[in-house]
């Protein structure tokens, strides 16, 4: 049996109109063409779908079963057509985000709050569980945007620069290192380093400073919240390395200081990775613009 959408529309129109002539007018076809559709549909089904010689034309038991299917399927198809039309017009879509930068929640949530007012029909979600396998997830279309500081040469993936930041050393103002003009890798050897709960290869202090110098800290303590990291640092439970804008915008104890890492300091850049054929979608392009401007407000503020 090969039933088409037009067959479902036909049986629904005849049932609602109560006759072939009125149904033909509703479907904008001739009565002859509609009669041909009905015969073709009954041939496909192998049963009579209408009670003949009834006025108004009535459905048989088999016809009612097909009508119930039409009433269930046609609204779903209409919704799907509307969704596809929205996609073509750039009004709707999905924007699931994975974050490799733990501190980035602090600026991403205000960005998404602005975004939702302009794009209420875009399904937005953050997928922190994919943070450590984010770029492969982007390729598998499990997520649609990855926030990362480690761009790679990947086919079909575009890395859009967002903003630069400086990882800074955070220490209690009474700590012996607080009087230094800057710190080096060697200064970490006898320190407890407080970090976010991320693998070392995802942390700037390891990738940019400690690993190249072959230095390991005395201990590593992982803490989820930025505010708690700063409290522990102020209590001399350890030292930390955080993005400069995070320290500046987080309510923090007054008895901590920040120092450059190495004499010239470190500079890192954050990127948004997207599938190349989706980077210019209207809602994606708007989010990227917001993601570039909101951190600048935080840094200046």
C-alpha atoms as a PDB file:
ATOM      1  CA  UNK A   1       0.000   0.000   0.000  1.00  0.00           C
ATOM      2  CA  UNK A   2       1.381   3.404  -1.029  1.00  0.00           C
ATOM      3  CA  UNK A   3      -0.526   6.202   0.689  1.00  0.00           C
ATOM      4  CA  UNK A   4       0.589   9.765  -0.031  1.00  0.00           C
ATOM      5  CA  UNK A   5       0.051  12.949   1.953  1.00  0.00           C
ATOM      6  CA  UNK A   6      -2.462  14.107  -0.668  1.00  0.00           C
ATOM      7  CA  UNK A   7      -4.538  11.000   0.093  1.00  0.00           C
ATOM      8  CA  UNK A   8      -4.649  11.943   3.762  1.00  0.00           C
ATOM      9  CA  UNK A   9      -5.640  15.500   2.882  1.00  0.00           C
ATOM     10  CA  UNK A  10      -8.324  14.156   0.550  1.00  0.00           C
ATOM     11  CA  UNK A  11     -10.040  11.939   3.107  1.00  0.00           C
ATOM     12  CA  UNK A  12      -9.931  14.671   5.730  1.00  0.00           C
ATOM     13  CA  UNK A  13     -11.406  17.244   3.321  1.00  0.00           C
ATOM     14  CA  UNK A  14     -14.243  14.932   2.214  1.00  0.00           C
ATOM     15  CA  UNK A  15     -15.096  14.093   5.823  1.00  0.00           C
ATOM     16  CA  UNK A  16     -15.157  17.758   6.850  1.00  0.00           C
ATOM     17  CA  UNK A  17     -16.997  18.972   3.729  1.00  0.00           C
ATOM     18  CA  UNK A  18     -19.526  16.114   3.647  1.00  0.00           C
ATOM     19  CA  UNK A  19     -19.338  15.604  -0.110  1.00  0.00           C
ATOM     20  CA  UNK A  20     -17.070  15.432  -3.137  1.00  0.00           C
ATOM     21  CA  UNK A  21     -18.109  18.751  -4.684  1.00  0.00           C
ATOM     22  CA  UNK A  22     -17.448  20.843  -1.589  1.00  0.00           C
ATOM     23  CA  UNK A  23     -14.243  18.923  -0.833  1.00  0.00           C
ATOM     24  CA  UNK A  24     -13.020  19.532  -4.382  1.00  0.00           C
ATOM     25  CA  UNK A  25     -13.590  23.257  -3.945  1.00  0.00           C
ATOM     26  CA  UNK A  26     -11.685  23.181  -0.650  1.00  0.00           C
ATOM     27  CA  UNK A  27      -8.764  21.327  -2.244  1.00  0.00           C
ATOM     28  CA  UNK A  28      -8.903  23.567  -5.337  1.00  0.00           C
ATOM     29  CA  UNK A  29      -9.216  20.614  -7.766  1.00  0.00           C
ATOM     30  CA  UNK A  30     -12.016  19.395 -10.029  1.00  0.00           C
ATOM     31  CA  UNK A  31     -14.609  16.916  -8.731  1.00  0.00           C
ATOM     32  CA  UNK A  32     -13.497  14.488 -11.431  1.00  0.00           C
ATOM     33  CA  UNK A  33      -9.891  14.645 -10.232  1.00  0.00           C
ATOM     34  CA  UNK A  34     -11.031  14.131  -6.652  1.00  0.00           C
ATOM     35  CA  UNK A  35     -13.131  11.088  -7.622  1.00  0.00           C
ATOM     36  CA  UNK A  36     -10.072   9.654  -9.343  1.00  0.00           C
ATOM     37  CA  UNK A  37      -8.030  10.207  -6.145  1.00  0.00           C
ATOM     38  CA  UNK A  38     -10.663   8.436  -4.060  1.00  0.00           C
ATOM     39  CA  UNK A  39     -10.690   5.430  -6.426  1.00  0.00           C
ATOM     40  CA  UNK A  40      -6.894   5.335  -6.409  1.00  0.00           C
ATOM     41  CA  UNK A  41      -6.848   5.515  -2.621  1.00  0.00           C
ATOM     42  CA  UNK A  42      -9.357   2.683  -2.233  1.00  0.00           C
ATOM     43  CA  UNK A  43      -7.378   0.603  -4.733  1.00  0.00           C
ATOM     44  CA  UNK A  44      -4.251   1.218  -2.636  1.00  0.00           C
ATOM     45  CA  UNK A  45      -6.014   0.333   0.611  1.00  0.00           C
ATOM     46  CA  UNK A  46      -7.865  -2.660  -0.845  1.00  0.00           C
ATOM     47  CA  UNK A  47     -11.057  -1.705   1.008  1.00  0.00           C
ATOM     48  CA  UNK A  48     -13.940   0.720   0.588  1.00  0.00           C
ATOM     49  CA  UNK A  49     -13.328   3.905   2.551  1.00  0.00           C
ATOM     50  CA  UNK A  50     -16.759   5.486   2.042  1.00  0.00           C
ATOM     51  CA  UNK A  51     -20.337   4.314   2.487  1.00  0.00           C
ATOM     52  CA  UNK A  52     -21.800   4.630  -1.002  1.00  0.00           C
ATOM     53  CA  UNK A  53     -25.115   6.374  -1.639  1.00  0.00           C
ATOM     54  CA  UNK A  54     -25.037   8.098   1.754  1.00  0.00           C
ATOM     55  CA  UNK A  55     -25.828  11.811   2.005  1.00  0.00           C
ATOM     56  CA  UNK A  56     -23.760  13.439   3.248  1.00  0.00           C
ATOM     57  CA  UNK A  57     -20.985  11.126   2.141  1.00  0.00           C
ATOM     58  CA  UNK A  58     -19.869   9.098   5.134  1.00  0.00           C
ATOM     59  CA  UNK A  59     -16.705   7.218   5.940  1.00  0.00           C
ATOM     60  CA  UNK A  60     -16.698   3.480   6.397  1.00  0.00           C
ATOM     61  CA  UNK A  61     -15.005   1.889   9.431  1.00  0.00           C
ATOM     62  CA  UNK A  62     -11.788   1.607   7.397  1.00  0.00           C
ATOM     63  CA  UNK A  63     -12.192   5.217   6.295  1.00  0.00           C
ATOM     64  CA  UNK A  64     -12.427   6.359   9.922  1.00  0.00           C
ATOM     65  CA  UNK A  65      -9.186   4.547  10.714  1.00  0.00           C
ATOM     66  CA  UNK A  66      -7.478   6.363   7.851  1.00  0.00           C
ATOM     67  CA  UNK A  67      -9.027   9.662   8.996  1.00  0.00           C
ATOM     68  CA  UNK A  68      -7.563   9.208  12.483  1.00  0.00           C
ATOM     69  CA  UNK A  69      -4.161   8.651  10.889  1.00  0.00           C
ATOM     70  CA  UNK A  70      -4.610  11.799   8.774  1.00  0.00           C
ATOM     71  CA  UNK A  71      -5.566  13.866  11.824  1.00  0.00           C
ATOM     72  CA  UNK A  72      -2.437  12.665  13.605  1.00  0.00           C
ATOM     73  CA  UNK A  73       0.050  12.881  10.726  1.00  0.00           C
ATOM     74  CA  UNK A  74      -0.975  16.045   8.864  1.00  0.00           C
ATOM     75  CA  UNK A  75      -0.455  18.439  11.820  1.00  0.00           C
ATOM     76  CA  UNK A  76       3.005  16.935  12.355  1.00  0.00           C
ATOM     77  CA  UNK A  77       3.842  17.484   8.683  1.00  0.00           C
ATOM     78  CA  UNK A  78       2.531  21.058   8.840  1.00  0.00           C
ATOM     79  CA  UNK A  79       4.694  21.738  11.899  1.00  0.00           C
ATOM     80  CA  UNK A  80       7.706  20.223  10.140  1.00  0.00           C
ATOM     81  CA  UNK A  81       7.101  22.361   7.048  1.00  0.00           C
ATOM     82  CA  UNK A  82       6.875  25.472   9.246  1.00  0.00           C
ATOM     83  CA  UNK A  83      10.101  24.500  10.995  1.00  0.00           C
ATOM     84  CA  UNK A  84      11.912  23.988   7.684  1.00  0.00           C
ATOM     85  CA  UNK A  85      10.572  27.318   6.424  1.00  0.00           C
ATOM     86  CA  UNK A  86      11.910  28.946   9.567  1.00  0.00           C
ATOM     87  CA  UNK A  87      15.277  27.314   9.034  1.00  0.00           C
ATOM     88  CA  UNK A  88      15.407  28.595   5.462  1.00  0.00           C
ATOM     89  CA  UNK A  89      14.539  32.071   6.701  1.00  0.00           C
ATOM     90  CA  UNK A  90      17.125  31.818   9.491  1.00  0.00           C
ATOM     91  CA  UNK A  91      14.544  32.310  12.266  1.00  0.00           C
ATOM     92  CA  UNK A  92      14.694  28.899  13.918  1.00  0.00           C
ATOM     93  CA  UNK A  93      17.295  26.255  14.595  1.00  0.00           C
ATOM     94  CA  UNK A  94      19.306  24.501  17.263  1.00  0.00           C
ATOM     95  CA  UNK A  95      22.244  25.973  19.160  1.00  0.00           C
ATOM     96  CA  UNK A  96      23.755  23.445  21.540  1.00  0.00           C
ATOM     97  CA  UNK A  97      27.046  24.668  22.990  1.00  0.00           C
ATOM     98  CA  UNK A  98      29.998  22.811  24.499  1.00  0.00           C
ATOM     99  CA  UNK A  99      32.564  24.673  26.568  1.00  0.00           C
ATOM    100  CA  UNK A 100      36.236  23.807  26.955  1.00  0.00           C
ATOM    101  CA  UNK A 101      36.797  26.973  29.018  1.00  0.00           C
ATOM    102  CA  UNK A 102      35.397  26.391  32.518  1.00  0.00           C
ATOM    103  CA  UNK A 103      35.359  30.081  33.472  1.00  0.00           C
ATOM    104  CA  UNK A 104      33.470  30.993  30.295  1.00  0.00           C
ATOM    105  CA  UNK A 105      30.113  30.377  31.942  1.00  0.00           C
ATOM    106  CA  UNK A 106      30.618  33.777  33.600  1.00  0.00           C
ATOM    107  CA  UNK A 107      30.286  35.653  30.303  1.00  0.00           C
ATOM    108  CA  UNK A 108      28.374  33.145  28.184  1.00  0.00           C
ATOM    109  CA  UNK A 109      25.200  33.177  30.278  1.00  0.00           C
ATOM    110  CA  UNK A 110      24.701  36.966  29.891  1.00  0.00           C
ATOM    111  CA  UNK A 111      25.330  36.505  26.150  1.00  0.00           C
ATOM    112  CA  UNK A 112      22.621  33.831  25.942  1.00  0.00           C
ATOM    113  CA  UNK A 113      20.227  35.996  27.946  1.00  0.00           C
ATOM    114  CA  UNK A 114      20.534  38.715  25.294  1.00  0.00           C
ATOM    115  CA  UNK A 115      20.380  36.167  22.477  1.00  0.00           C
ATOM    116  CA  UNK A 116      17.093  34.549  23.536  1.00  0.00           C
ATOM    117  CA  UNK A 117      15.165  37.823  23.291  1.00  0.00           C
ATOM    118  CA  UNK A 118      16.105  38.193  19.615  1.00  0.00           C
ATOM    119  CA  UNK A 119      15.873  34.501  18.676  1.00  0.00           C
ATOM    120  CA  UNK A 120      13.108  32.967  20.831  1.00  0.00           C
ATOM    121  CA  UNK A 121      12.562  30.089  18.378  1.00  0.00           C
ATOM    122  CA  UNK A 122      16.160  28.850  18.479  1.00  0.00           C
ATOM    123  CA  UNK A 123      16.637  25.891  20.835  1.00  0.00           C
ATOM    124  CA  UNK A 124      19.602  26.837  23.061  1.00  0.00           C
ATOM    125  CA  UNK A 125      21.396  24.514  25.464  1.00  0.00           C
ATOM    126  CA  UNK A 126      24.822  24.173  27.101  1.00  0.00           C
ATOM    127  CA  UNK A 127      26.339  20.689  27.115  1.00  0.00           C
ATOM    128  CA  UNK A 128      29.068  20.729  29.806  1.00  0.00           C
ATOM    129  CA  UNK A 129      29.239  16.943  29.800  1.00  0.00           C
ATOM    130  CA  UNK A 130      30.859  17.092  26.347  1.00  0.00           C
ATOM    131  CA  UNK A 131      33.515  19.617  27.363  1.00  0.00           C
ATOM    132  CA  UNK A 132      36.432  17.219  27.035  1.00  0.00           C
ATOM    133  CA  UNK A 133      35.312  15.678  23.734  1.00  0.00           C
ATOM    134  CA  UNK A 134      33.781  18.805  22.294  1.00  0.00           C
ATOM    135  CA  UNK A 135      35.306  19.110  18.816  1.00  0.00           C
ATOM    136  CA  UNK A 136      34.553  15.498  17.807  1.00  0.00           C
ATOM    137  CA  UNK A 137      31.011  16.088  19.098  1.00  0.00           C
ATOM    138  CA  UNK A 138      30.799  19.118  16.800  1.00  0.00           C
ATOM    139  CA  UNK A 139      31.715  16.913  13.835  1.00  0.00           C
ATOM    140  CA  UNK A 140      29.066  14.368  14.852  1.00  0.00           C
ATOM    141  CA  UNK A 141      26.480  17.200  15.040  1.00  0.00           C
ATOM    142  CA  UNK A 142      25.842  16.503  18.717  1.00  0.00           C
ATOM    143  CA  UNK A 143      26.657  20.161  19.434  1.00  0.00           C
ATOM    144  CA  UNK A 144      26.629  23.228  17.196  1.00  0.00           C
ATOM    145  CA  UNK A 145      29.255  25.511  18.751  1.00  0.00           C
ATOM    146  CA  UNK A 146      32.353  24.857  20.836  1.00  0.00           C
ATOM    147  CA  UNK A 147      34.072  27.521  22.957  1.00  0.00           C
ATOM    148  CA  UNK A 148      37.784  26.678  22.892  1.00  0.00           C
ATOM    149  CA  UNK A 149      41.228  28.244  23.224  1.00  0.00           C
ATOM    150  CA  UNK A 150      42.853  25.522  21.113  1.00  0.00           C
ATOM    151  CA  UNK A 151      42.030  25.901  17.404  1.00  0.00           C
ATOM    152  CA  UNK A 152      42.795  22.958  15.156  1.00  0.00           C
ATOM    153  CA  UNK A 153      42.923  22.354  11.413  1.00  0.00           C
ATOM    154  CA  UNK A 154      39.668  20.443  10.984  1.00  0.00           C
ATOM    155  CA  UNK A 155      37.852  19.917   7.710  1.00  0.00           C
ATOM    156  CA  UNK A 156      34.439  21.559   7.708  1.00  0.00           C
ATOM    157  CA  UNK A 157      35.060  23.481  10.956  1.00  0.00           C
ATOM    158  CA  UNK A 158      35.567  27.255  11.251  1.00  0.00           C
ATOM    159  CA  UNK A 159      37.249  28.835  14.290  1.00  0.00           C
ATOM    160  CA  UNK A 160      36.032  32.400  14.819  1.00  0.00           C
ATOM    161  CA  UNK A 161      38.236  34.535  17.142  1.00  0.00           C
ATOM    162  CA  UNK A 162      36.281  35.973  20.078  1.00  0.00           C
ATOM    163  CA  UNK A 163      38.686  37.847  22.347  1.00  0.00           C
ATOM    164  CA  UNK A 164      42.146  37.796  23.905  1.00  0.00           C
ATOM    165  CA  UNK A 165      42.788  37.401  27.609  1.00  0.00           C
ATOM    166  CA  UNK A 166      45.744  37.197  29.978  1.00  0.00           C
ATOM    167  CA  UNK A 167      46.129  34.300  32.434  1.00  0.00           C
ATOM    168  CA  UNK A 168      47.350  35.876  35.707  1.00  0.00           C
ATOM    169  CA  UNK A 169      48.847  34.506  38.902  1.00  0.00           C
ATOM    170  CA  UNK A 170      46.536  34.944  41.900  1.00  0.00           C
ATOM    171  CA  UNK A 171      48.025  34.926  45.414  1.00  0.00           C
ATOM    172  CA  UNK A 172      47.291  36.205  48.933  1.00  0.00           C
ATOM    173  CA  UNK A 173      48.811  39.633  49.538  1.00  0.00           C
ATOM    174  CA  UNK A 174      50.806  38.267  52.524  1.00  0.00           C
ATOM    175  CA  UNK A 175      52.289  35.391  50.513  1.00  0.00           C
ATOM    176  CA  UNK A 176      56.075  35.656  49.877  1.00  0.00           C
ATOM    177  CA  UNK A 177      55.481  35.639  46.103  1.00  0.00           C
ATOM    178  CA  UNK A 178      53.122  38.632  46.303  1.00  0.00           C
ATOM    179  CA  UNK A 179      56.071  41.041  46.345  1.00  0.00           C
ATOM    180  CA  UNK A 180      57.456  39.737  43.032  1.00  0.00           C
ATOM    181  CA  UNK A 181      56.968  41.764  39.826  1.00  0.00           C
ATOM    182  CA  UNK A 182      56.040  38.503  38.027  1.00  0.00           C
ATOM    183  CA  UNK A 183      56.258  34.738  38.532  1.00  0.00           C
ATOM    184  CA  UNK A 184      57.949  31.984  36.535  1.00  0.00           C
ATOM    185  CA  UNK A 185      57.437  28.250  36.254  1.00  0.00           C
ATOM    186  CA  UNK A 186      59.966  27.588  39.010  1.00  0.00           C
ATOM    187  CA  UNK A 187      57.830  29.497  41.495  1.00  0.00           C
ATOM    188  CA  UNK A 188      55.169  26.765  41.305  1.00  0.00           C
ATOM    189  CA  UNK A 189      57.396  23.882  42.463  1.00  0.00           C
ATOM    190  CA  UNK A 190      56.578  24.255  46.142  1.00  0.00           C
ATOM    191  CA  UNK A 191      53.007  25.554  45.750  1.00  0.00           C
ATOM    192  CA  UNK A 192      49.557  23.993  45.941  1.00  0.00           C
ATOM    193  CA  UNK A 193      47.906  24.990  42.685  1.00  0.00           C
ATOM    194  CA  UNK A 194      44.141  25.463  42.878  1.00  0.00           C
ATOM    195  CA  UNK A 195      42.443  24.862  39.518  1.00  0.00           C
ATOM    196  CA  UNK A 196      39.068  24.192  38.000  1.00  0.00           C
ATOM    197  CA  UNK A 197      38.159  20.481  37.752  1.00  0.00           C
ATOM    198  CA  UNK A 198      39.696  20.028  34.301  1.00  0.00           C
ATOM    199  CA  UNK A 199      42.429  17.858  32.848  1.00  0.00           C
ATOM    200  CA  UNK A 200      45.868  19.562  32.903  1.00  0.00           C
ATOM    201  CA  UNK A 201      46.002  19.608  29.093  1.00  0.00           C
ATOM    202  CA  UNK A 202      42.970  21.934  29.176  1.00  0.00           C
ATOM    203  CA  UNK A 203      44.511  24.437  31.597  1.00  0.00           C
ATOM    204  CA  UNK A 204      46.633  27.367  30.389  1.00  0.00           C
ATOM    205  CA  UNK A 205      49.007  27.217  33.341  1.00  0.00           C
ATOM    206  CA  UNK A 206      50.078  23.718  32.326  1.00  0.00           C
ATOM    207  CA  UNK A 207      50.038  24.041  28.541  1.00  0.00           C
ATOM    208  CA  UNK A 208      51.652  27.486  28.365  1.00  0.00           C
ATOM    209  CA  UNK A 209      54.014  27.454  31.369  1.00  0.00           C
ATOM    210  CA  UNK A 210      54.562  24.373  33.487  1.00  0.00           C
ATOM    211  CA  UNK A 211      54.686  21.577  30.914  1.00  0.00           C
ATOM    212  CA  UNK A 212      57.135  23.384  28.575  1.00  0.00           C
ATOM    213  CA  UNK A 213      59.394  24.071  31.589  1.00  0.00           C
ATOM    214  CA  UNK A 214      59.107  20.515  32.925  1.00  0.00           C
ATOM    215  CA  UNK A 215      57.804  21.791  36.271  1.00  0.00           C
ATOM    216  CA  UNK A 216      55.104  20.244  38.445  1.00  0.00           C
ATOM    217  CA  UNK A 217      53.454  22.008  41.387  1.00  0.00           C
ATOM    218  CA  UNK A 218      53.730  20.500  44.848  1.00  0.00           C
ATOM    219  CA  UNK A 219      50.019  19.592  44.727  1.00  0.00           C
ATOM    220  CA  UNK A 220      46.901  20.317  42.693  1.00  0.00           C
ATOM    221  CA  UNK A 221      43.541  20.999  44.289  1.00  0.00           C
ATOM    222  CA  UNK A 222      40.468  21.139  42.048  1.00  0.00           C
ATOM    223  CA  UNK A 223      37.599  23.481  42.896  1.00  0.00           C
ATOM    224  CA  UNK A 224      34.412  24.058  40.906  1.00  0.00           C
ATOM    225  CA  UNK A 225      33.566  27.697  41.719  1.00  0.00           C
ATOM    226  CA  UNK A 226      35.673  30.759  40.927  1.00  0.00           C
ATOM    227  CA  UNK A 227      34.585  32.531  44.118  1.00  0.00           C
ATOM    228  CA  UNK A 228      35.692  29.530  46.189  1.00  0.00           C
ATOM    229  CA  UNK A 229      39.071  29.450  44.453  1.00  0.00           C
ATOM    230  CA  UNK A 230      39.614  33.094  45.416  1.00  0.00           C
ATOM    231  CA  UNK A 231      38.587  32.466  49.031  1.00  0.00           C
ATOM    232  CA  UNK A 232      41.038  29.562  49.294  1.00  0.00           C
ATOM    233  CA  UNK A 233      43.808  31.678  47.778  1.00  0.00           C
ATOM    234  CA  UNK A 234      43.100  34.503  50.247  1.00  0.00           C
ATOM    235  CA  UNK A 235      43.272  31.924  53.057  1.00  0.00           C
ATOM    236  CA  UNK A 236      46.725  30.847  51.792  1.00  0.00           C
ATOM    237  CA  UNK A 237      45.494  27.340  50.945  1.00  0.00           C
ATOM    238  CA  UNK A 238      47.241  27.646  47.621  1.00  0.00           C
ATOM    239  CA  UNK A 239      47.731  29.807  44.544  1.00  0.00           C
ATOM    240  CA  UNK A 240      45.812  29.973  41.286  1.00  0.00           C
ATOM    241  CA  UNK A 241      46.015  31.038  37.654  1.00  0.00           C
ATOM    242  CA  UNK A 242      42.849  32.573  36.227  1.00  0.00           C
ATOM    243  CA  UNK A 243      41.910  34.705  33.210  1.00  0.00           C
ATOM    244  CA  UNK A 244      42.362  38.384  34.020  1.00  0.00           C
ATOM    245  CA  UNK A 245      38.759  39.236  33.214  1.00  0.00           C
ATOM    246  CA  UNK A 246      37.483  36.528  35.577  1.00  0.00           C
ATOM    247  CA  UNK A 247      39.430  37.973  38.515  1.00  0.00           C
ATOM    248  CA  UNK A 248      38.334  41.488  37.649  1.00  0.00           C
ATOM    249  CA  UNK A 249      34.626  40.692  37.374  1.00  0.00           C
ATOM    250  CA  UNK A 250      34.229  38.205  40.239  1.00  0.00           C
ATOM    251  CA  UNK A 251      33.436  39.494  43.702  1.00  0.00           C
ATOM    252  CA  UNK A 252      36.629  38.621  45.534  1.00  0.00           C
ATOM    253  CA  UNK A 253      38.444  39.055  48.843  1.00  0.00           C
ATOM    254  CA  UNK A 254      40.365  42.305  49.194  1.00  0.00           C
ATOM    255  CA  UNK A 255      43.528  40.561  50.398  1.00  0.00           C
ATOM    256  CA  UNK A 256      44.609  38.949  47.132  1.00  0.00           C
ATOM    257  CA  UNK A 257      46.800  40.293  44.343  1.00  0.00           C
ATOM    258  CA  UNK A 258      47.469  39.313  40.744  1.00  0.00           C
ATOM    259  CA  UNK A 259      50.848  39.105  39.027  1.00  0.00           C
ATOM    260  CA  UNK A 260      51.916  38.601  35.413  1.00  0.00           C
ATOM    261  CA  UNK A 261      53.101  35.128  34.454  1.00  0.00           C
ATOM    262  CA  UNK A 262      56.644  35.547  33.120  1.00  0.00           C
ATOM    263  CA  UNK A 263      58.138  38.983  32.599  1.00  0.00           C
ATOM    264  CA  UNK A 264      56.230  39.655  29.405  1.00  0.00           C
ATOM    265  CA  UNK A 265      52.997  38.042  30.551  1.00  0.00           C
ATOM    266  CA  UNK A 266      50.927  35.469  28.674  1.00  0.00           C
ATOM    267  CA  UNK A 267      48.214  36.149  26.123  1.00  0.00           C
ATOM    268  CA  UNK A 268      45.635  33.605  25.024  1.00  0.00           C
ATOM    269  CA  UNK A 269      42.780  33.823  22.539  1.00  0.00           C
ATOM    270  CA  UNK A 270      39.345  32.290  22.802  1.00  0.00           C
ATOM    271  CA  UNK A 271      37.530  30.946  19.739  1.00  0.00           C
ATOM    272  CA  UNK A 272      34.083  29.740  18.754  1.00  0.00           C
ATOM    273  CA  UNK A 273      34.239  26.601  16.610  1.00  0.00           C
ATOM    274  CA  UNK A 274      31.265  25.992  14.313  1.00  0.00           C
ATOM    275  CA  UNK A 275      30.528  23.824  11.311  1.00  0.00           C
ATOM    276  CA  UNK A 276      31.609  25.916   8.331  1.00  0.00           C
ATOM    277  CA  UNK A 277      28.287  25.662   6.503  1.00  0.00           C
ATOM    278  CA  UNK A 278      26.446  27.026   9.570  1.00  0.00           C
ATOM    279  CA  UNK A 279      28.770  29.862  10.609  1.00  0.00           C
ATOM    280  CA  UNK A 280      26.862  32.444   8.551  1.00  0.00           C
ATOM    281  CA  UNK A 281      23.378  31.412   9.669  1.00  0.00           C
ATOM    282  CA  UNK A 282      21.686  34.608  10.894  1.00  0.00           C
ATOM    283  CA  UNK A 283      21.236  33.446  14.482  1.00  0.00           C
ATOM    284  CA  UNK A 284      24.750  31.953  14.631  1.00  0.00           C
ATOM    285  CA  UNK A 285      26.329  35.149  13.290  1.00  0.00           C
ATOM    286  CA  UNK A 286      24.394  37.188  15.850  1.00  0.00           C
ATOM    287  CA  UNK A 287      25.546  34.991  18.725  1.00  0.00           C
ATOM    288  CA  UNK A 288      29.164  35.323  17.588  1.00  0.00           C
ATOM    289  CA  UNK A 289      28.813  39.115  17.568  1.00  0.00           C
ATOM    290  CA  UNK A 290      27.404  39.079  21.089  1.00  0.00           C
ATOM    291  CA  UNK A 291      30.129  36.679  22.253  1.00  0.00           C
ATOM    292  CA  UNK A 292      32.795  39.098  21.024  1.00  0.00           C
ATOM    293  CA  UNK A 293      31.304  42.221  22.612  1.00  0.00           C
ATOM    294  CA  UNK A 294      30.098  40.990  26.015  1.00  0.00           C
ATOM    295  CA  UNK A 295      33.593  39.989  27.306  1.00  0.00           C
ATOM    296  CA  UNK A 296      34.887  43.429  26.303  1.00  0.00           C
ATOM    297  CA  UNK A 297      32.212  44.996  28.512  1.00  0.00           C
ATOM    298  CA  UNK A 298      33.322  42.774  31.386  1.00  0.00           C
ATOM    299  CA  UNK A 299      36.979  43.648  30.896  1.00  0.00           C
ATOM    300  CA  UNK A 300      36.271  47.379  30.757  1.00  0.00           C
ATOM    301  CA  UNK A 301      33.792  47.263  33.579  1.00  0.00           C
END
